[in-house]
Amino acid sequence: MTAVPDLDLHKIREYAAGRVPAQHQHKIRMEVDVRGKTVTILECRAPWHEKPGTEWTRQGVARMKYDSDHHEWTLHWVDRHDRWHVFDLIDHGAIDTILDEIELDRICIFWG
């Protein structure tokens, strides 16, 4: 199994890191979770209460799956029940195309 290309993973991490200004990162941050050929961008928010044991919440924003046979990515969105679906308004493609689509968010499905 071919892993996710390093350059593509770097681009995804750079994109996620650039979403939240430094002055707000104590309340919100973006994380990238990699599992095999699947990469998920997560929005993480600080706990409402500062009680011991209270953890940051994590919500999926976008998921990308790498097809090593065709060297292309598919984009997925998450519904309110935390189920992932293929985003079919674009074809499979290069990671730059996928990240551009997430940023554009023309139907408000990733960033609301």
Protein backbone atom coordinates (compact mmCIF):
# COMPACT_ATOMS: atom_id res chain seq x y z
CA MET A 1 0.00 0.00 0.00
CA THR A 2 1.43 3.36 -1.07
CA ALA A 3 1.14 6.01 1.61
CA VAL A 4 -0.10 9.53 1.10
CA PRO A 5 2.50 11.57 -0.84
CA ASP A 6 4.64 13.65 1.52
CA LEU A 7 4.25 16.84 -0.54
CA ASP A 8 0.46 16.50 -0.57
CA LEU A 9 0.37 15.89 3.18
CA HIS A 10 2.56 18.95 3.70
CA LYS A 11 0.14 21.05 1.62
CA ILE A 12 -2.84 19.80 3.65
CA ARG A 13 -1.11 20.57 6.94
CA GLU A 14 -0.07 24.03 5.72
CA TYR A 15 -3.63 24.74 4.60
CA ALA A 16 -5.09 23.69 7.95
CA ALA A 17 -2.48 25.63 9.92
CA GLY A 18 -3.30 28.80 7.99
CA ARG A 19 -7.04 28.72 8.76
CA VAL A 20 -6.87 30.13 12.31
CA PRO A 21 -5.05 33.38 13.17
CA ALA A 22 -2.44 33.00 15.92
CA GLN A 23 -4.37 35.22 18.36
CA HIS A 24 -7.31 32.74 18.33
CA GLN A 25 -5.42 29.47 18.57
CA HIS A 26 -5.99 29.26 22.33
CA LYS A 27 -9.73 28.83 21.53
CA ILE A 28 -9.74 27.10 18.17
CA ARG A 29 -7.23 25.16 16.12
CA MET A 30 -7.16 22.93 13.08
CA GLU A 31 -5.71 19.42 13.19
CA VAL A 32 -4.91 16.93 10.47
CA ASP A 33 -5.52 13.25 11.16
CA VAL A 34 -3.86 10.69 8.88
CA ARG A 35 -5.00 7.07 8.77
CA GLY A 36 -3.58 5.09 5.89
CA LYS A 37 -4.64 6.81 2.68
CA THR A 38 -7.27 8.95 4.41
CA VAL A 39 -6.58 12.47 5.66
CA THR A 40 -9.14 14.38 7.73
CA ILE A 41 -9.09 18.07 8.59
CA LEU A 42 -10.58 18.64 12.04
CA GLU A 43 -11.76 21.81 13.74
CA CYS A 44 -10.90 21.66 17.44
CA ARG A 45 -12.42 23.96 20.04
CA ALA A 46 -11.34 24.64 23.59
CA PRO A 47 -13.58 23.33 26.38
CA TRP A 48 -16.39 25.57 27.59
CA HIS A 49 -15.47 24.85 31.20
CA GLU A 50 -11.96 24.85 32.53
CA LYS A 51 -12.56 21.85 34.76
CA PRO A 52 -9.84 19.20 35.05
CA GLY A 53 -10.34 16.43 32.52
CA THR A 54 -12.31 18.60 30.11
CA GLU A 55 -10.99 18.05 26.60
CA TRP A 56 -11.12 19.97 23.37
CA THR A 57 -13.96 18.98 21.03
CA ARG A 58 -13.08 17.76 17.54
CA GLN A 59 -15.36 18.08 14.51
CA GLY A 60 -14.56 16.87 11.01
CA VAL A 61 -14.44 19.54 8.32
CA ALA A 62 -13.28 17.65 5.24
CA ARG A 63 -11.88 14.24 4.44
CA MET A 64 -9.66 13.37 1.52
CA LYS A 65 -8.87 9.86 0.30
CA TYR A 66 -5.85 9.12 -1.83
CA ASP A 67 -6.07 6.66 -4.73
CA SER A 68 -2.49 5.53 -5.25
CA ASP A 69 -3.37 3.61 -8.42
CA HIS A 70 -4.52 6.80 -10.17
CA HIS A 71 -2.50 9.31 -8.11
CA GLU A 72 -5.56 11.40 -7.30
CA TRP A 73 -7.72 12.44 -4.39
CA THR A 74 -11.42 12.32 -3.63
CA LEU A 75 -13.09 14.83 -1.34
CA HIS A 76 -15.69 13.93 1.28
CA TRP A 77 -18.02 15.95 3.54
CA VAL A 78 -19.57 15.02 6.87
CA ASP A 79 -23.27 15.21 7.72
CA ARG A 80 -24.84 16.07 11.08
CA HIS A 81 -24.74 12.38 12.06
CA ASP A 82 -20.95 12.23 11.53
CA ARG A 83 -21.31 10.14 8.36
CA TRP A 84 -18.97 10.93 5.49
CA HIS A 85 -20.12 11.31 1.85
CA VAL A 86 -18.32 11.84 -1.44
CA PHE A 87 -18.40 15.47 -2.54
CA ASP A 88 -19.52 14.91 -6.12
CA LEU A 89 -19.52 18.49 -7.41
CA ILE A 90 -15.92 18.02 -8.53
CA ASP A 91 -14.04 15.15 -10.10
CA HIS A 92 -11.20 13.35 -8.39
CA GLY A 93 -8.03 15.34 -8.70
CA ALA A 94 -4.82 16.83 -7.45
CA ILE A 95 -4.59 17.94 -3.84
CA ASP A 96 -4.40 21.61 -4.90
CA THR A 97 -7.79 21.27 -6.60
CA ILE A 98 -9.26 19.58 -3.53
CA LEU A 99 -7.93 22.24 -1.13
CA ASP A 100 -9.18 25.02 -3.42
CA GLU A 101 -12.66 23.47 -3.33
CA ILE A 102 -12.62 23.24 0.47
CA GLU A 103 -11.58 26.89 0.70
CA LEU A 104 -14.15 28.03 -1.88
CA ASP A 105 -16.90 26.10 -0.08
CA ARG A 106 -19.43 27.19 -2.69
CA ILE A 107 -22.36 25.38 -1.03
CA CYS A 108 -21.28 26.04 2.59
CA ILE A 109 -20.76 22.37 3.37
CA PHE A 110 -17.26 22.54 4.87
CA TRP A 111 -17.03 25.82 6.75
CA GLY A 112 -20.77 26.52 7.08
